[in-house]
């Protein structure tokens, strides 16, 4: 059994220029932990994960952003003062938060190697499955691996 046998082939992806709030809405709607970021040719440009959004390493730290935005209600009479900040947040794109050098896996990787990859990289989920030209063929998640156990 290989990654190609168990990966999710119907991939929902975004572009680097996709507004960050739209990408967050897709992640929420589909209950994803992350999604590939592709260029116009479908080649991998990066990945956007929940971890990227909440870690201090990203260009935007969502817990801080949340605190700022929830503070707007407290200062309701001063909303005009915050309108520029809100506008700036709405202009953030996926490129502002994505991991530009994600871990990837090839479709011919064995099931055993895929399991080992997840064991060695605890934070990673999902892993983009790419071909030699970096075109995204699918994604491999921990769920796909668990589902693969039932096929073994």
C-alpha atoms as a PDB file:
ATOM      1  CA  UNK A   1       0.000   0.000   0.000  1.00  0.00           C
ATOM      2  CA  UNK A   2       1.274   3.486  -0.881  1.00  0.00           C
ATOM      3  CA  UNK A   3       0.330   7.064  -0.098  1.00  0.00           C
ATOM      4  CA  UNK A   4      -1.540   7.223  -3.414  1.00  0.00           C
ATOM      5  CA  UNK A   5      -3.854   4.455  -2.179  1.00  0.00           C
ATOM      6  CA  UNK A   6      -4.908   6.294   0.985  1.00  0.00           C
ATOM      7  CA  UNK A   7      -4.481  10.023   0.290  1.00  0.00           C
ATOM      8  CA  UNK A   8      -7.358  12.441  -0.129  1.00  0.00           C
ATOM      9  CA  UNK A   9      -7.460  13.206  -3.851  1.00  0.00           C
ATOM     10  CA  UNK A  10     -10.176  15.877  -3.859  1.00  0.00           C
ATOM     11  CA  UNK A  11      -8.107  18.742  -2.523  1.00  0.00           C
ATOM     12  CA  UNK A  12      -9.426  22.122  -1.468  1.00  0.00           C
ATOM     13  CA  UNK A  13      -6.623  24.630  -1.843  1.00  0.00           C
ATOM     14  CA  UNK A  14      -6.098  28.368  -1.806  1.00  0.00           C
ATOM     15  CA  UNK A  15      -3.770  30.827  -3.513  1.00  0.00           C
ATOM     16  CA  UNK A  16      -1.188  33.018  -1.766  1.00  0.00           C
ATOM     17  CA  UNK A  17      -3.295  36.078  -2.616  1.00  0.00           C
ATOM     18  CA  UNK A  18      -6.498  34.615  -1.131  1.00  0.00           C
ATOM     19  CA  UNK A  19      -7.738  36.835   1.705  1.00  0.00           C
ATOM     20  CA  UNK A  20      -6.813  35.222   5.016  1.00  0.00           C
ATOM     21  CA  UNK A  21     -10.350  35.503   6.352  1.00  0.00           C
ATOM     22  CA  UNK A  22     -11.640  33.527   3.329  1.00  0.00           C
ATOM     23  CA  UNK A  23      -9.079  30.779   3.894  1.00  0.00           C
ATOM     24  CA  UNK A  24      -9.995  30.630   7.586  1.00  0.00           C
ATOM     25  CA  UNK A  25     -13.653  30.275   6.576  1.00  0.00           C
ATOM     26  CA  UNK A  26     -12.777  27.332   4.287  1.00  0.00           C
ATOM     27  CA  UNK A  27     -10.756  25.626   7.022  1.00  0.00           C
ATOM     28  CA  UNK A  28     -13.703  26.034   9.396  1.00  0.00           C
ATOM     29  CA  UNK A  29     -16.363  24.984   6.877  1.00  0.00           C
ATOM     30  CA  UNK A  30     -14.567  21.764   5.934  1.00  0.00           C
ATOM     31  CA  UNK A  31     -13.189  21.014   9.429  1.00  0.00           C
ATOM     32  CA  UNK A  32      -9.644  20.962   8.015  1.00  0.00           C
ATOM     33  CA  UNK A  33      -6.461  21.251  10.031  1.00  0.00           C
ATOM     34  CA  UNK A  34      -4.721  22.784   7.036  1.00  0.00           C
ATOM     35  CA  UNK A  35      -4.784  23.215   3.301  1.00  0.00           C
ATOM     36  CA  UNK A  36      -2.250  23.494   0.475  1.00  0.00           C
ATOM     37  CA  UNK A  37      -1.460  26.855  -1.055  1.00  0.00           C
ATOM     38  CA  UNK A  38      -0.945  26.589  -4.810  1.00  0.00           C
ATOM     39  CA  UNK A  39       0.058  28.852  -7.667  1.00  0.00           C
ATOM     40  CA  UNK A  40      -1.958  29.300 -10.875  1.00  0.00           C
ATOM     41  CA  UNK A  41      -0.474  26.070 -12.286  1.00  0.00           C
ATOM     42  CA  UNK A  42      -1.498  23.998  -9.264  1.00  0.00           C
ATOM     43  CA  UNK A  43       2.069  23.775  -7.977  1.00  0.00           C
ATOM     44  CA  UNK A  44       2.689  23.873  -4.249  1.00  0.00           C
ATOM     45  CA  UNK A  45       3.549  27.336  -2.931  1.00  0.00           C
ATOM     46  CA  UNK A  46       3.083  26.487   0.762  1.00  0.00           C
ATOM     47  CA  UNK A  47       0.579  25.300   3.312  1.00  0.00           C
ATOM     48  CA  UNK A  48      -1.750  27.093   5.686  1.00  0.00           C
ATOM     49  CA  UNK A  49      -2.529  25.211   8.892  1.00  0.00           C
ATOM     50  CA  UNK A  50      -4.249  25.943  12.151  1.00  0.00           C
ATOM     51  CA  UNK A  51      -0.826  25.880  13.765  1.00  0.00           C
ATOM     52  CA  UNK A  52       0.455  28.542  11.344  1.00  0.00           C
ATOM     53  CA  UNK A  53      -2.462  30.759  12.311  1.00  0.00           C
ATOM     54  CA  UNK A  54      -2.067  30.483  16.066  1.00  0.00           C
ATOM     55  CA  UNK A  55       1.690  30.210  16.515  1.00  0.00           C
ATOM     56  CA  UNK A  56       3.828  33.164  17.420  1.00  0.00           C
ATOM     57  CA  UNK A  57       6.029  32.407  14.398  1.00  0.00           C
ATOM     58  CA  UNK A  58       3.466  33.459  11.818  1.00  0.00           C
ATOM     59  CA  UNK A  59       3.218  36.958  10.424  1.00  0.00           C
ATOM     60  CA  UNK A  60      -0.111  37.240  12.220  1.00  0.00           C
ATOM     61  CA  UNK A  61      -0.769  35.887  15.677  1.00  0.00           C
ATOM     62  CA  UNK A  62      -4.494  35.138  15.777  1.00  0.00           C
ATOM     63  CA  UNK A  63      -4.920  35.181  19.565  1.00  0.00           C
ATOM     64  CA  UNK A  64      -3.538  38.731  19.582  1.00  0.00           C
ATOM     65  CA  UNK A  65      -5.703  39.674  16.615  1.00  0.00           C
ATOM     66  CA  UNK A  66      -8.749  38.268  18.394  1.00  0.00           C
ATOM     67  CA  UNK A  67      -7.988  40.332  21.478  1.00  0.00           C
ATOM     68  CA  UNK A  68      -7.675  43.485  19.377  1.00  0.00           C
ATOM     69  CA  UNK A  69     -10.883  42.837  17.452  1.00  0.00           C
ATOM     70  CA  UNK A  70     -12.926  41.960  20.529  1.00  0.00           C
ATOM     71  CA  UNK A  71     -11.675  45.182  22.083  1.00  0.00           C
ATOM     72  CA  UNK A  72     -13.490  47.089  19.349  1.00  0.00           C
ATOM     73  CA  UNK A  73     -16.828  46.467  21.054  1.00  0.00           C
ATOM     74  CA  UNK A  74     -15.486  47.885  24.316  1.00  0.00           C
ATOM     75  CA  UNK A  75     -14.532  51.075  22.522  1.00  0.00           C
ATOM     76  CA  UNK A  76     -17.697  51.287  20.417  1.00  0.00           C
ATOM     77  CA  UNK A  77     -17.722  55.085  20.376  1.00  0.00           C
ATOM     78  CA  UNK A  78     -14.144  55.050  19.035  1.00  0.00           C
ATOM     79  CA  UNK A  79     -14.716  52.620  16.148  1.00  0.00           C
ATOM     80  CA  UNK A  80     -13.577  55.198  13.624  1.00  0.00           C
ATOM     81  CA  UNK A  81     -10.183  55.178  15.308  1.00  0.00           C
ATOM     82  CA  UNK A  82      -9.910  51.424  14.751  1.00  0.00           C
ATOM     83  CA  UNK A  83     -11.305  51.339  11.219  1.00  0.00           C
ATOM     84  CA  UNK A  84      -7.823  51.528   9.661  1.00  0.00           C
ATOM     85  CA  UNK A  85      -6.663  48.592  11.784  1.00  0.00           C
ATOM     86  CA  UNK A  86      -9.687  46.522  10.822  1.00  0.00           C
ATOM     87  CA  UNK A  87      -9.150  47.420   7.176  1.00  0.00           C
ATOM     88  CA  UNK A  88      -5.503  46.292   7.433  1.00  0.00           C
ATOM     89  CA  UNK A  89      -6.569  42.976   8.956  1.00  0.00           C
ATOM     90  CA  UNK A  90      -9.078  42.416   6.165  1.00  0.00           C
ATOM     91  CA  UNK A  91      -6.274  42.933   3.622  1.00  0.00           C
ATOM     92  CA  UNK A  92      -4.127  40.132   5.062  1.00  0.00           C
ATOM     93  CA  UNK A  93      -3.620  37.277   2.632  1.00  0.00           C
ATOM     94  CA  UNK A  94      -2.688  33.633   2.955  1.00  0.00           C
ATOM     95  CA  UNK A  95       0.882  34.598   2.022  1.00  0.00           C
ATOM     96  CA  UNK A  96       1.091  36.571   5.287  1.00  0.00           C
ATOM     97  CA  UNK A  97       0.618  33.443   7.438  1.00  0.00           C
ATOM     98  CA  UNK A  98       1.432  30.352   5.347  1.00  0.00           C
ATOM     99  CA  UNK A  99       4.418  28.063   5.754  1.00  0.00           C
ATOM    100  CA  UNK A 100       6.385  28.566   2.526  1.00  0.00           C
ATOM    101  CA  UNK A 101       8.479  25.424   2.954  1.00  0.00           C
ATOM    102  CA  UNK A 102       6.136  22.635   4.059  1.00  0.00           C
ATOM    103  CA  UNK A 103       6.941  18.985   4.493  1.00  0.00           C
ATOM    104  CA  UNK A 104       5.766  17.072   1.414  1.00  0.00           C
ATOM    105  CA  UNK A 105       5.393  13.440   0.455  1.00  0.00           C
ATOM    106  CA  UNK A 106       5.400  11.548  -2.844  1.00  0.00           C
ATOM    107  CA  UNK A 107       2.504   9.346  -3.980  1.00  0.00           C
ATOM    108  CA  UNK A 108       4.732   6.264  -4.248  1.00  0.00           C
ATOM    109  CA  UNK A 109       5.826   6.519  -0.590  1.00  0.00           C
ATOM    110  CA  UNK A 110       4.963   3.325   1.276  1.00  0.00           C
ATOM    111  CA  UNK A 111       2.327   3.239   3.983  1.00  0.00           C
ATOM    112  CA  UNK A 112       5.012   2.371   6.544  1.00  0.00           C
ATOM    113  CA  UNK A 113       7.124   5.377   5.525  1.00  0.00           C
ATOM    114  CA  UNK A 114       4.065   7.636   5.771  1.00  0.00           C
ATOM    115  CA  UNK A 115       3.351   6.424   9.315  1.00  0.00           C
ATOM    116  CA  UNK A 116       6.992   7.043  10.256  1.00  0.00           C
ATOM    117  CA  UNK A 117       6.784  10.559   8.782  1.00  0.00           C
ATOM    118  CA  UNK A 118       3.834  11.414  11.025  1.00  0.00           C
ATOM    119  CA  UNK A 119       5.621   9.894  14.028  1.00  0.00           C
ATOM    120  CA  UNK A 120       8.673  12.086  13.386  1.00  0.00           C
ATOM    121  CA  UNK A 121       6.711  15.273  12.634  1.00  0.00           C
ATOM    122  CA  UNK A 122       4.035  15.557  15.321  1.00  0.00           C
ATOM    123  CA  UNK A 123       2.823  19.055  14.387  1.00  0.00           C
ATOM    124  CA  UNK A 124       2.401  18.333  10.689  1.00  0.00           C
ATOM    125  CA  UNK A 125      -1.104  17.630   9.377  1.00  0.00           C
ATOM    126  CA  UNK A 126      -1.941  17.379   6.536  1.00  0.00           C
ATOM    127  CA  UNK A 127       1.044  16.690   4.283  1.00  0.00           C
ATOM    128  CA  UNK A 128       0.734  17.765   0.632  1.00  0.00           C
ATOM    129  CA  UNK A 129       1.285  14.914  -1.838  1.00  0.00           C
ATOM    130  CA  UNK A 130       3.193  16.246  -4.836  1.00  0.00           C
ATOM    131  CA  UNK A 131       4.742  14.974  -8.050  1.00  0.00           C
ATOM    132  CA  UNK A 132       8.251  15.718  -9.355  1.00  0.00           C
ATOM    133  CA  UNK A 133       7.058  19.103 -10.698  1.00  0.00           C
ATOM    134  CA  UNK A 134       5.555  20.070  -7.292  1.00  0.00           C
ATOM    135  CA  UNK A 135       2.005  19.763  -8.624  1.00  0.00           C
ATOM    136  CA  UNK A 136      -0.399  18.935  -5.796  1.00  0.00           C
ATOM    137  CA  UNK A 137      -1.947  15.493  -6.325  1.00  0.00           C
ATOM    138  CA  UNK A 138      -3.609  15.184  -2.941  1.00  0.00           C
ATOM    139  CA  UNK A 139      -3.078  15.528   0.787  1.00  0.00           C
ATOM    140  CA  UNK A 140      -2.274  12.938   3.400  1.00  0.00           C
ATOM    141  CA  UNK A 141      -3.712  13.456   6.866  1.00  0.00           C
ATOM    142  CA  UNK A 142      -3.467  11.443  10.052  1.00  0.00           C
ATOM    143  CA  UNK A 143      -7.096  10.470   9.409  1.00  0.00           C
ATOM    144  CA  UNK A 144      -6.118   9.055   5.997  1.00  0.00           C
ATOM    145  CA  UNK A 145      -3.431   6.954   7.684  1.00  0.00           C
ATOM    146  CA  UNK A 146      -5.878   5.646  10.300  1.00  0.00           C
ATOM    147  CA  UNK A 147      -8.394   4.905   7.535  1.00  0.00           C
ATOM    148  CA  UNK A 148      -5.595   3.099   5.687  1.00  0.00           C
ATOM    149  CA  UNK A 149      -5.186   0.753   8.646  1.00  0.00           C
ATOM    150  CA  UNK A 150      -8.643  -0.640   7.891  1.00  0.00           C
ATOM    151  CA  UNK A 151      -7.526  -1.387   4.312  1.00  0.00           C
ATOM    152  CA  UNK A 152      -4.337  -3.150   5.392  1.00  0.00           C
END
